[in-house]
Amino acid sequence: MTGGSLARRLRPGLAVRGSDGPQVGEIAEVYLGVGTGEAWGAVGAIPMEGARSADPAQYAYSEAMPGEGSDYVRVARSAGGDLYVPVGAFAEVREGAAVLAITAEAVPAMQWDVLPDFVNVRSIPDSGAESTQA
């Protein structure tokens, strides 16, 4: 199943299970096409041209990091604390549940409990218009 078709099947209220069966939580929200801020550096800050407080050398882009266009879901857990799970971490949707590609026991090691930048930073698509900068 492709990531796009899987993302369309994920919806709030759907149980989230590990590949071994135990429930991890429930989908609370689905974020489509987000993740711009997640593509930059270990601390998640987006370097801005002219900013003196950010050293561009500290922000190495990597294809391994989530980037613009990534889809995520917020998973609410009964034990408390939300998880922000990339859609690519799901193997399938079956029997009323979104099934992760990893076991429930492996979830804490994924660091999905870290609040992603896209929750607070929303980008808007480029209009494609020419620059008006002098």
C-alpha atoms as a PDB file:
ATOM      1  CA  MET A   1       0.000   0.000   0.000  1.00  0.00           C
ATOM      2  CA  THR A   2       1.463   3.387  -0.928  1.00  0.00           C
ATOM      3  CA  GLY A   3       1.950   6.082   1.694  1.00  0.00           C
ATOM      4  CA  GLY A   4      -0.659   8.331   0.076  1.00  0.00           C
ATOM      5  CA  SER A   5      -3.410   5.724   0.055  1.00  0.00           C
ATOM      6  CA  LEU A   6      -2.515   4.679   3.601  1.00  0.00           C
ATOM      7  CA  ALA A   7      -2.670   8.291   4.807  1.00  0.00           C
ATOM      8  CA  ARG A   8      -6.204   8.587   3.400  1.00  0.00           C
ATOM      9  CA  ARG A   9      -7.296   5.539   5.428  1.00  0.00           C
ATOM     10  CA  LEU A  10      -5.988   6.906   8.736  1.00  0.00           C
ATOM     11  CA  ARG A  11      -8.658   8.802  10.644  1.00  0.00           C
ATOM     12  CA  PRO A  12      -9.375  10.005  14.185  1.00  0.00           C
ATOM     13  CA  GLY A  13     -10.790   7.296  16.427  1.00  0.00           C
ATOM     14  CA  LEU A  14      -8.889   4.453  14.751  1.00  0.00           C
ATOM     15  CA  ALA A  15      -6.966   2.235  17.178  1.00  0.00           C
ATOM     16  CA  VAL A  16      -3.168   2.096  16.728  1.00  0.00           C
ATOM     17  CA  ARG A  17      -1.548  -1.293  17.321  1.00  0.00           C
ATOM     18  CA  GLY A  18       2.003  -2.576  17.271  1.00  0.00           C
ATOM     19  CA  SER A  19       2.883  -5.197  14.679  1.00  0.00           C
ATOM     20  CA  ASP A  20       2.667  -7.746  17.501  1.00  0.00           C
ATOM     21  CA  GLY A  21      -0.943  -6.798  18.338  1.00  0.00           C
ATOM     22  CA  PRO A  22      -1.033  -4.697  21.556  1.00  0.00           C
ATOM     23  CA  GLN A  23      -2.800  -1.341  21.326  1.00  0.00           C
ATOM     24  CA  VAL A  24      -0.499   1.689  21.545  1.00  0.00           C
ATOM     25  CA  GLY A  25      -3.225   4.336  21.476  1.00  0.00           C
ATOM     26  CA  GLU A  26      -5.833   5.930  19.244  1.00  0.00           C
ATOM     27  CA  ILE A  27      -5.484   8.374  16.360  1.00  0.00           C
ATOM     28  CA  ALA A  28      -6.555  11.811  17.573  1.00  0.00           C
ATOM     29  CA  GLU A  29      -5.555  13.919  14.542  1.00  0.00           C
ATOM     30  CA  VAL A  30      -4.170  13.447  11.047  1.00  0.00           C
ATOM     31  CA  TYR A  31      -1.683  15.991   9.655  1.00  0.00           C
ATOM     32  CA  LEU A  32      -1.243  15.795   5.882  1.00  0.00           C
ATOM     33  CA  GLY A  33       1.666  17.438   4.045  1.00  0.00           C
ATOM     34  CA  VAL A  34       3.466  18.814   7.096  1.00  0.00           C
ATOM     35  CA  GLY A  35       6.960  18.467   8.465  1.00  0.00           C
ATOM     36  CA  THR A  36       8.839  21.420   6.967  1.00  0.00           C
ATOM     37  CA  GLY A  37      10.446  22.334  10.288  1.00  0.00           C
ATOM     38  CA  GLU A  38      11.466  18.745  10.878  1.00  0.00           C
ATOM     39  CA  ALA A  39      13.892  18.759   7.955  1.00  0.00           C
ATOM     40  CA  TRP A  40      16.408  21.039   9.645  1.00  0.00           C
ATOM     41  CA  GLY A  41      18.915  20.182  12.332  1.00  0.00           C
ATOM     42  CA  ALA A  42      18.854  18.331  15.582  1.00  0.00           C
ATOM     43  CA  VAL A  43      16.969  21.032  17.458  1.00  0.00           C
ATOM     44  CA  GLY A  44      14.271  21.532  14.852  1.00  0.00           C
ATOM     45  CA  ALA A  45      14.920  25.232  14.199  1.00  0.00           C
ATOM     46  CA  ILE A  46      14.578  26.507  10.659  1.00  0.00           C
ATOM     47  CA  PRO A  47      17.631  28.655   9.816  1.00  0.00           C
ATOM     48  CA  MET A  48      16.656  32.065   8.498  1.00  0.00           C
ATOM     49  CA  GLU A  49      18.868  34.099   6.167  1.00  0.00           C
ATOM     50  CA  GLY A  50      20.515  36.931   8.075  1.00  0.00           C
ATOM     51  CA  ALA A  51      19.824  35.456  11.517  1.00  0.00           C
ATOM     52  CA  ARG A  52      22.874  35.774  13.745  1.00  0.00           C
ATOM     53  CA  SER A  53      21.777  33.287  16.379  1.00  0.00           C
ATOM     54  CA  ALA A  54      21.808  30.253  14.079  1.00  0.00           C
ATOM     55  CA  ASP A  55      24.957  28.687  12.648  1.00  0.00           C
ATOM     56  CA  PRO A  56      23.988  27.077   9.299  1.00  0.00           C
ATOM     57  CA  ALA A  57      26.774  24.524   9.802  1.00  0.00           C
ATOM     58  CA  GLN A  58      24.713  23.080  12.671  1.00  0.00           C
ATOM     59  CA  TYR A  59      21.757  22.372  10.392  1.00  0.00           C
ATOM     60  CA  ALA A  60      22.697  19.552   8.032  1.00  0.00           C
ATOM     61  CA  TYR A  61      19.791  18.428   5.876  1.00  0.00           C
ATOM     62  CA  SER A  62      19.385  14.698   5.591  1.00  0.00           C
ATOM     63  CA  GLU A  63      17.018  12.583   3.524  1.00  0.00           C
ATOM     64  CA  ALA A  64      16.653  10.453   6.656  1.00  0.00           C
ATOM     65  CA  MET A  65      14.934  13.318   8.470  1.00  0.00           C
ATOM     66  CA  PRO A  66      11.241  13.907   7.874  1.00  0.00           C
ATOM     67  CA  GLY A  67      10.755  16.720   5.418  1.00  0.00           C
ATOM     68  CA  GLU A  68       8.187  18.877   3.762  1.00  0.00           C
ATOM     69  CA  GLY A  69       5.257  16.876   2.539  1.00  0.00           C
ATOM     70  CA  SER A  70       5.464  14.253   5.263  1.00  0.00           C
ATOM     71  CA  ASP A  71       2.180  13.015   6.712  1.00  0.00           C
ATOM     72  CA  TYR A  72       1.817  12.436  10.460  1.00  0.00           C
ATOM     73  CA  VAL A  73      -0.825  11.369  12.944  1.00  0.00           C
ATOM     74  CA  ARG A  74      -1.187  12.352  16.573  1.00  0.00           C
ATOM     75  CA  VAL A  75      -1.784   9.258  18.672  1.00  0.00           C
ATOM     76  CA  ALA A  76      -3.403   9.755  22.083  1.00  0.00           C
ATOM     77  CA  ARG A  77      -2.340   7.178  24.660  1.00  0.00           C
ATOM     78  CA  SER A  78      -4.439   6.114  27.649  1.00  0.00           C
ATOM     79  CA  ALA A  79      -1.277   6.292  29.790  1.00  0.00           C
ATOM     80  CA  GLY A  80      -0.982   9.985  28.856  1.00  0.00           C
ATOM     81  CA  GLY A  81       1.287  11.865  26.493  1.00  0.00           C
ATOM     82  CA  ASP A  82       0.708  12.048  22.767  1.00  0.00           C
ATOM     83  CA  LEU A  83       2.809  10.464  20.039  1.00  0.00           C
ATOM     84  CA  TYR A  84       3.468  12.121  16.664  1.00  0.00           C
ATOM     85  CA  VAL A  85       3.899   9.208  14.287  1.00  0.00           C
ATOM     86  CA  PRO A  86       4.957   9.552  10.636  1.00  0.00           C
ATOM     87  CA  VAL A  87       2.595   7.759   8.268  1.00  0.00           C
ATOM     88  CA  GLY A  88       5.558   5.796   6.924  1.00  0.00           C
ATOM     89  CA  ALA A  89       5.734   3.979  10.285  1.00  0.00           C
ATOM     90  CA  PHE A  90       2.408   2.259   9.577  1.00  0.00           C
ATOM     91  CA  ALA A  91       2.346  -1.070   7.760  1.00  0.00           C
ATOM     92  CA  GLU A  92      -1.388  -1.254   7.095  1.00  0.00           C
ATOM     93  CA  VAL A  93      -4.928  -0.556   8.209  1.00  0.00           C
ATOM     94  CA  ARG A  94      -6.869  -3.727   9.023  1.00  0.00           C
ATOM     95  CA  GLU A  95      -9.654  -4.905  11.298  1.00  0.00           C
ATOM     96  CA  GLY A  96     -10.451  -1.396  12.540  1.00  0.00           C
ATOM     97  CA  ALA A  97      -6.867  -0.578  13.499  1.00  0.00           C
ATOM     98  CA  ALA A  98      -3.812   1.171  12.073  1.00  0.00           C
ATOM     99  CA  VAL A  99      -0.966  -1.325  12.462  1.00  0.00           C
ATOM    100  CA  LEU A 100       2.575  -0.058  12.964  1.00  0.00           C
ATOM    101  CA  ALA A 101       5.538  -1.660  11.220  1.00  0.00           C
ATOM    102  CA  ILE A 102       7.203  -2.105  14.636  1.00  0.00           C
ATOM    103  CA  THR A 103       6.197  -3.852  17.837  1.00  0.00           C
ATOM    104  CA  ALA A 104       4.404  -1.983  20.612  1.00  0.00           C
ATOM    105  CA  GLU A 105       7.427  -2.593  22.827  1.00  0.00           C
ATOM    106  CA  ALA A 106       9.693  -0.719  20.355  1.00  0.00           C
ATOM    107  CA  VAL A 107       7.542   2.445  20.296  1.00  0.00           C
ATOM    108  CA  PRO A 108       9.273   4.285  23.213  1.00  0.00           C
ATOM    109  CA  ALA A 109      12.650   4.042  21.431  1.00  0.00           C
ATOM    110  CA  MET A 110      11.232   5.915  18.407  1.00  0.00           C
ATOM    111  CA  GLN A 111      11.024   9.263  20.285  1.00  0.00           C
ATOM    112  CA  TRP A 112       7.616   9.999  18.806  1.00  0.00           C
ATOM    113  CA  ASP A 113       6.697  11.726  22.066  1.00  0.00           C
ATOM    114  CA  VAL A 114       8.739  14.816  21.072  1.00  0.00           C
ATOM    115  CA  LEU A 115       6.432  17.665  19.999  1.00  0.00           C
ATOM    116  CA  PRO A 116       7.217  18.336  16.312  1.00  0.00           C
ATOM    117  CA  ASP A 117       7.751  21.879  15.063  1.00  0.00           C
ATOM    118  CA  PHE A 118       4.926  21.599  12.544  1.00  0.00           C
ATOM    119  CA  VAL A 119       2.401  21.617  15.388  1.00  0.00           C
ATOM    120  CA  ASN A 120       3.325  25.257  16.047  1.00  0.00           C
ATOM    121  CA  VAL A 121       4.839  26.311  12.696  1.00  0.00           C
ATOM    122  CA  ARG A 122       2.559  26.104   9.679  1.00  0.00           C
ATOM    123  CA  SER A 123       4.006  26.937   6.279  1.00  0.00           C
ATOM    124  CA  ILE A 124       2.012  28.109   3.315  1.00  0.00           C
ATOM    125  CA  PRO A 125       2.653  26.898  -0.244  1.00  0.00           C
ATOM    126  CA  ASP A 126       4.799  29.134  -2.457  1.00  0.00           C
ATOM    127  CA  SER A 127       2.557  31.124  -4.777  1.00  0.00           C
ATOM    128  CA  GLY A 128       5.052  30.787  -7.624  1.00  0.00           C
ATOM    129  CA  ALA A 129       5.034  34.565  -8.148  1.00  0.00           C
ATOM    130  CA  GLU A 130       8.287  36.291  -8.995  1.00  0.00           C
ATOM    131  CA  SER A 131      10.230  37.917  -6.195  1.00  0.00           C
ATOM    132  CA  THR A 132       9.603  41.611  -5.572  1.00  0.00           C
ATOM    133  CA  GLN A 133      12.857  42.015  -3.647  1.00  0.00           C
ATOM    134  CA  ALA A 134      14.971  44.900  -4.975  1.00  0.00           C
END
